[in-house]
Amino acid sequence: MCEANAYFVKEGKEELILEAVDKVESEGDHIKIENIFGEQKMVHGRIRSMSLVNHRIVIAE
């Protein structure tokens, strides 16, 4: 499976936003993420890094 956990970095600290993310969409200055259960979150920021092998998406302010 290729789901990833999404984290938000603020002031050097990572906070888990959503687990089992399978969709990432850019909407202006926001990132919309959705997991395999249909749960969605909208985050103000930009993608800092993605590692699908390590199942991690990092979003920064």
PDB file of N, CA and C in Angstrom:
ATOM      1  N   MET A   1       0.841  -1.176   0.000  1.00  0.00           N
ATOM      2  CA  MET A   1       0.000   0.000   0.000  1.00  0.00           C
ATOM      3  C   MET A   1       0.882   1.234   0.000  1.00  0.00           C
ATOM      4  N   CYS A   2       0.384   2.297  -0.598  1.00  0.00           N
ATOM      5  CA  CYS A   2       1.183   3.518  -0.739  1.00  0.00           C
ATOM      6  C   CYS A   2       0.623   4.686   0.044  1.00  0.00           C
ATOM      7  N   GLU A   3      -0.160   4.445   1.060  1.00  0.00           N
ATOM      8  CA  GLU A   3      -0.652   5.551   1.863  1.00  0.00           C
ATOM      9  C   GLU A   3       0.505   6.141   2.658  1.00  0.00           C
ATOM     10  N   ALA A   4       0.351   7.417   3.004  1.00  0.00           N
ATOM     11  CA  ALA A   4       1.388   8.104   3.775  1.00  0.00           C
ATOM     12  C   ALA A   4       0.744   8.884   4.908  1.00  0.00           C
ATOM     13  N   ASN A   5       1.505   9.162   5.919  1.00  0.00           N
ATOM     14  CA  ASN A   5       1.055  10.045   6.986  1.00  0.00           C
ATOM     15  C   ASN A   5       1.493  11.453   6.642  1.00  0.00           C
ATOM     16  N   ALA A   6       0.621  12.428   6.892  1.00  0.00           N
ATOM     17  CA  ALA A   6       0.926  13.829   6.602  1.00  0.00           C
ATOM     18  C   ALA A   6       1.236  14.558   7.910  1.00  0.00           C
ATOM     19  N   TYR A   7       2.316  15.315   7.873  1.00  0.00           N
ATOM     20  CA  TYR A   7       2.777  16.073   9.035  1.00  0.00           C
ATOM     21  C   TYR A   7       2.863  17.546   8.682  1.00  0.00           C
ATOM     22  N   PHE A   8       2.619  18.415   9.663  1.00  0.00           N
ATOM     23  CA  PHE A   8       2.767  19.852   9.497  1.00  0.00           C
ATOM     24  C   PHE A   8       3.938  20.302  10.358  1.00  0.00           C
ATOM     25  N   VAL A   9       4.854  21.048   9.757  1.00  0.00           N
ATOM     26  CA  VAL A   9       6.025  21.540  10.489  1.00  0.00           C
ATOM     27  C   VAL A   9       5.816  23.001  10.823  1.00  0.00           C
ATOM     28  N   LYS A  10       5.916  23.313  12.112  1.00  0.00           N
ATOM     29  CA  LYS A  10       5.807  24.691  12.578  1.00  0.00           C
ATOM     30  C   LYS A  10       6.844  24.886  13.668  1.00  0.00           C
ATOM     31  N   GLU A  11       7.669  25.899  13.492  1.00  0.00           N
ATOM     32  CA  GLU A  11       8.725  26.214  14.454  1.00  0.00           C
ATOM     33  C   GLU A  11       9.614  25.003  14.716  1.00  0.00           C
ATOM     34  N   GLY A  12       9.888  24.226  13.670  1.00  0.00           N
ATOM     35  CA  GLY A  12      10.791  23.090  13.771  1.00  0.00           C
ATOM     36  C   GLY A  12      10.198  21.823  14.363  1.00  0.00           C
ATOM     37  N   LYS A  13       8.917  21.850  14.724  1.00  0.00           N
ATOM     38  CA  LYS A  13       8.278  20.673  15.311  1.00  0.00           C
ATOM     39  C   LYS A  13       7.243  20.094  14.349  1.00  0.00           C
ATOM     40  N   GLU A  14       7.240  18.783  14.232  1.00  0.00           N
ATOM     41  CA  GLU A  14       6.280  18.091  13.368  1.00  0.00           C
ATOM     42  C   GLU A  14       5.048  17.674  14.159  1.00  0.00           C
ATOM     43  N   GLU A  15       3.888  17.899  13.538  1.00  0.00           N
ATOM     44  CA  GLU A  15       2.620  17.494  14.140  1.00  0.00           C
ATOM     45  C   GLU A  15       1.871  16.649  13.112  1.00  0.00           C
ATOM     46  N   LEU A  16       1.415  15.485  13.523  1.00  0.00           N
ATOM     47  CA  LEU A  16       0.654  14.615  12.627  1.00  0.00           C
ATOM     48  C   LEU A  16      -0.678  15.281  12.288  1.00  0.00           C
ATOM     49  N   ILE A  17      -0.961  15.389  10.989  1.00  0.00           N
ATOM     50  CA  ILE A  17      -2.227  15.980  10.538  1.00  0.00           C
ATOM     51  C   ILE A  17      -3.244  14.897  10.223  1.00  0.00           C
ATOM     52  N   LEU A  18      -2.808  13.898   9.429  1.00  0.00           N
ATOM     53  CA  LEU A  18      -3.732  12.877   8.960  1.00  0.00           C
ATOM     54  C   LEU A  18      -2.962  11.613   8.599  1.00  0.00           C
ATOM     55  N   GLU A  19      -3.511  10.475   8.958  1.00  0.00           N
ATOM     56  CA  GLU A  19      -2.897   9.183   8.639  1.00  0.00           C
ATOM     57  C   GLU A  19      -3.547   8.592   7.397  1.00  0.00           C
ATOM     58  N   ALA A  20      -2.851   7.684   6.751  1.00  0.00           N
ATOM     59  CA  ALA A  20      -3.344   6.917   5.597  1.00  0.00           C
ATOM     60  C   ALA A  20      -3.797   7.813   4.443  1.00  0.00           C
ATOM     61  N   VAL A  21      -3.030   8.861   4.177  1.00  0.00           N
ATOM     62  CA  VAL A  21      -3.349   9.795   3.098  1.00  0.00           C
ATOM     63  C   VAL A  21      -3.103   9.120   1.750  1.00  0.00           C
ATOM     64  N   ASP A  22      -4.090   9.268   0.852  1.00  0.00           N
ATOM     65  CA  ASP A  22      -3.906   8.736  -0.497  1.00  0.00           C
ATOM     66  C   ASP A  22      -4.131   9.785  -1.576  1.00  0.00           C
ATOM     67  N   LYS A  23      -4.598  10.988  -1.207  1.00  0.00           N
ATOM     68  CA  LYS A  23      -4.785  12.071  -2.177  1.00  0.00           C
ATOM     69  C   LYS A  23      -4.197  13.362  -1.618  1.00  0.00           C
ATOM     70  N   VAL A  24      -3.455  14.073  -2.475  1.00  0.00           N
ATOM     71  CA  VAL A  24      -2.900  15.378  -2.130  1.00  0.00           C
ATOM     72  C   VAL A  24      -3.188  16.302  -3.309  1.00  0.00           C
ATOM     73  N   GLU A  25      -3.843  17.434  -3.034  1.00  0.00           N
ATOM     74  CA  GLU A  25      -4.167  18.385  -4.086  1.00  0.00           C
ATOM     75  C   GLU A  25      -3.767  19.784  -3.663  1.00  0.00           C
ATOM     76  N   SER A  26      -3.213  20.535  -4.592  1.00  0.00           N
ATOM     77  CA  SER A  26      -2.851  21.920  -4.346  1.00  0.00           C
ATOM     78  C   SER A  26      -4.033  22.799  -4.723  1.00  0.00           C
ATOM     79  N   GLU A  27      -4.434  23.666  -3.802  1.00  0.00           N
ATOM     80  CA  GLU A  27      -5.534  24.596  -4.066  1.00  0.00           C
ATOM     81  C   GLU A  27      -5.082  25.988  -3.636  1.00  0.00           C
ATOM     82  N   GLY A  28      -4.401  26.696  -4.542  1.00  0.00           N
ATOM     83  CA  GLY A  28      -3.867  28.015  -4.215  1.00  0.00           C
ATOM     84  C   GLY A  28      -2.747  27.887  -3.206  1.00  0.00           C
ATOM     85  N   ASP A  29      -2.876  28.573  -2.076  1.00  0.00           N
ATOM     86  CA  ASP A  29      -1.849  28.482  -1.032  1.00  0.00           C
ATOM     87  C   ASP A  29      -2.230  27.468   0.050  1.00  0.00           C
ATOM     88  N   HIS A  30      -3.150  26.566  -0.297  1.00  0.00           N
ATOM     89  CA  HIS A  30      -3.576  25.511   0.615  1.00  0.00           C
ATOM     90  C   HIS A  30      -3.286  24.148  -0.007  1.00  0.00           C
ATOM     91  N   ILE A  31      -3.136  23.163   0.851  1.00  0.00           N
ATOM     92  CA  ILE A  31      -2.981  21.777   0.435  1.00  0.00           C
ATOM     93  C   ILE A  31      -4.174  21.001   0.982  1.00  0.00           C
ATOM     94  N   LYS A  32      -4.880  20.324   0.102  1.00  0.00           N
ATOM     95  CA  LYS A  32      -6.009  19.482   0.509  1.00  0.00           C
ATOM     96  C   LYS A  32      -5.510  18.046   0.542  1.00  0.00           C
ATOM     97  N   ILE A  33      -5.707  17.388   1.685  1.00  0.00           N
ATOM     98  CA  ILE A  33      -5.302  15.993   1.813  1.00  0.00           C
ATOM     99  C   ILE A  33      -6.527  15.163   2.187  1.00  0.00           C
ATOM    100  N   GLU A  34      -6.549  13.937   1.684  1.00  0.00           N
ATOM    101  CA  GLU A  34      -7.668  13.029   1.957  1.00  0.00           C
ATOM    102  C   GLU A  34      -7.113  11.638   2.193  1.00  0.00           C
ATOM    103  N   ASN A  35      -7.674  10.959   3.194  1.00  0.00           N
ATOM    104  CA  ASN A  35      -7.185   9.604   3.469  1.00  0.00           C
ATOM    105  C   ASN A  35      -8.119   8.550   2.880  1.00  0.00           C
ATOM    106  N   ILE A  36      -7.739   7.297   3.061  1.00  0.00           N
ATOM    107  CA  ILE A  36      -8.485   6.187   2.459  1.00  0.00           C
ATOM    108  C   ILE A  36      -9.877   6.009   3.067  1.00  0.00           C
ATOM    109  N   PHE A  37     -10.146   6.687   4.182  1.00  0.00           N
ATOM    110  CA  PHE A  37     -11.445   6.592   4.851  1.00  0.00           C
ATOM    111  C   PHE A  37     -12.363   7.751   4.460  1.00  0.00           C
ATOM    112  N   GLY A  38     -11.877   8.652   3.567  1.00  0.00           N
ATOM    113  CA  GLY A  38     -12.678   9.784   3.121  1.00  0.00           C
ATOM    114  C   GLY A  38     -12.539  11.021   3.978  1.00  0.00           C
ATOM    115  N   GLU A  39     -11.760  10.959   5.046  1.00  0.00           N
ATOM    116  CA  GLU A  39     -11.545  12.133   5.891  1.00  0.00           C
ATOM    117  C   GLU A  39     -10.663  13.125   5.137  1.00  0.00           C
ATOM    118  N   GLN A  40     -11.049  14.413   5.163  1.00  0.00           N
ATOM    119  CA  GLN A  40     -10.312  15.442   4.443  1.00  0.00           C
ATOM    120  C   GLN A  40      -9.852  16.543   5.387  1.00  0.00           C
ATOM    121  N   LYS A  41      -8.708  17.145   5.042  1.00  0.00           N
ATOM    122  CA  LYS A  41      -8.216  18.306   5.780  1.00  0.00           C
ATOM    123  C   LYS A  41      -7.645  19.287   4.772  1.00  0.00           C
ATOM    124  N   MET A  42      -7.788  20.580   5.079  1.00  0.00           N
ATOM    125  CA  MET A  42      -7.225  21.640   4.265  1.00  0.00           C
ATOM    126  C   MET A  42      -6.181  22.335   5.131  1.00  0.00           C
ATOM    127  N   VAL A  43      -4.967  22.437   4.615  1.00  0.00           N
ATOM    128  CA  VAL A  43      -3.851  22.994   5.380  1.00  0.00           C
ATOM    129  C   VAL A  43      -3.253  24.170   4.617  1.00  0.00           C
ATOM    130  N   HIS A  44      -3.047  25.284   5.299  1.00  0.00           N
ATOM    131  CA  HIS A  44      -2.383  26.435   4.687  1.00  0.00           C
ATOM    132  C   HIS A  44      -0.883  26.179   4.700  1.00  0.00           C
ATOM    133  N   GLY A  45      -0.274  26.114   3.530  1.00  0.00           N
ATOM    134  CA  GLY A  45       1.163  25.867   3.466  1.00  0.00           C
ATOM    135  C   GLY A  45       1.575  25.305   2.127  1.00  0.00           C
ATOM    136  N   ARG A  46       2.763  24.717   2.108  1.00  0.00           N
ATOM    137  CA  ARG A  46       3.311  24.129   0.889  1.00  0.00           C
ATOM    138  C   ARG A  46       3.944  22.792   1.241  1.00  0.00           C
ATOM    139  N   ILE A  47       4.066  21.937   0.255  1.00  0.00           N
ATOM    140  CA  ILE A  47       4.706  20.644   0.490  1.00  0.00           C
ATOM    141  C   ILE A  47       6.204  20.871   0.625  1.00  0.00           C
ATOM    142  N   ARG A  48       6.737  20.464   1.737  1.00  0.00           N
ATOM    143  CA  ARG A  48       8.171  20.583   1.991  1.00  0.00           C
ATOM    144  C   ARG A  48       8.907  19.357   1.463  1.00  0.00           C
ATOM    145  N   SER A  49       8.324  18.174   1.698  1.00  0.00           N
ATOM    146  CA  SER A  49       8.926  16.946   1.184  1.00  0.00           C
ATOM    147  C   SER A  49       7.881  15.833   1.160  1.00  0.00           C
ATOM    148  N   MET A  50       8.142  14.868   0.274  1.00  0.00           N
ATOM    149  CA  MET A  50       7.319  13.668   0.200  1.00  0.00           C
ATOM    150  C   MET A  50       8.256  12.485   0.025  1.00  0.00           C
ATOM    151  N   SER A  51       8.037  11.459   0.809  1.00  0.00           N
ATOM    152  CA  SER A  51       8.781  10.225   0.662  1.00  0.00           C
ATOM    153  C   SER A  51       7.775   9.087   0.710  1.00  0.00           C
ATOM    154  N   LEU A  52       7.398   8.607  -0.449  1.00  0.00           N
ATOM    155  CA  LEU A  52       6.399   7.546  -0.491  1.00  0.00           C
ATOM    156  C   LEU A  52       6.960   6.214  -0.026  1.00  0.00           C
ATOM    157  N   VAL A  53       8.262   6.035  -0.155  1.00  0.00           N
ATOM    158  CA  VAL A  53       8.901   4.818   0.360  1.00  0.00           C
ATOM    159  C   VAL A  53       8.811   4.801   1.882  1.00  0.00           C
ATOM    160  N   ASN A  54       8.973   5.985   2.501  1.00  0.00           N
ATOM    161  CA  ASN A  54       8.900   6.085   3.968  1.00  0.00           C
ATOM    162  C   ASN A  54       7.505   6.470   4.451  1.00  0.00           C
ATOM    163  N   HIS A  55       6.549   6.625   3.529  1.00  0.00           N
ATOM    164  CA  HIS A  55       5.152   6.920   3.862  1.00  0.00           C
ATOM    165  C   HIS A  55       5.005   8.230   4.619  1.00  0.00           C
ATOM    166  N   ARG A  56       5.694   9.291   4.142  1.00  0.00           N
ATOM    167  CA  ARG A  56       5.669  10.586   4.834  1.00  0.00           C
ATOM    168  C   ARG A  56       5.439  11.728   3.847  1.00  0.00           C
ATOM    169  N   ILE A  57       4.539  12.636   4.240  1.00  0.00           N
ATOM    170  CA  ILE A  57       4.342  13.893   3.527  1.00  0.00           C
ATOM    171  C   ILE A  57       4.530  14.991   4.568  1.00  0.00           C
ATOM    172  N   VAL A  58       5.411  15.928   4.284  1.00  0.00           N
ATOM    173  CA  VAL A  58       5.684  17.010   5.233  1.00  0.00           C
ATOM    174  C   VAL A  58       5.248  18.324   4.594  1.00  0.00           C
ATOM    175  N   ILE A  59       4.383  19.041   5.297  1.00  0.00           N
ATOM    176  CA  ILE A  59       3.853  20.324   4.836  1.00  0.00           C
ATOM    177  C   ILE A  59       4.366  21.397   5.792  1.00  0.00           C
ATOM    178  N   ALA A  60       4.851  22.518   5.211  1.00  0.00           N
ATOM    179  CA  ALA A  60       5.392  23.615   6.014  1.00  0.00           C
ATOM    180  C   ALA A  60       4.548  24.868   5.777  1.00  0.00           C
ATOM    181  N   GLU A  61       4.662  25.825   6.704  1.00  0.00           N
ATOM    182  CA  GLU A  61       3.946  27.097   6.573  1.00  0.00           C
ATOM    183  C   GLU A  61       4.377  27.832   5.334  1.00  0.00           C
TER     184      GLU A  61
END
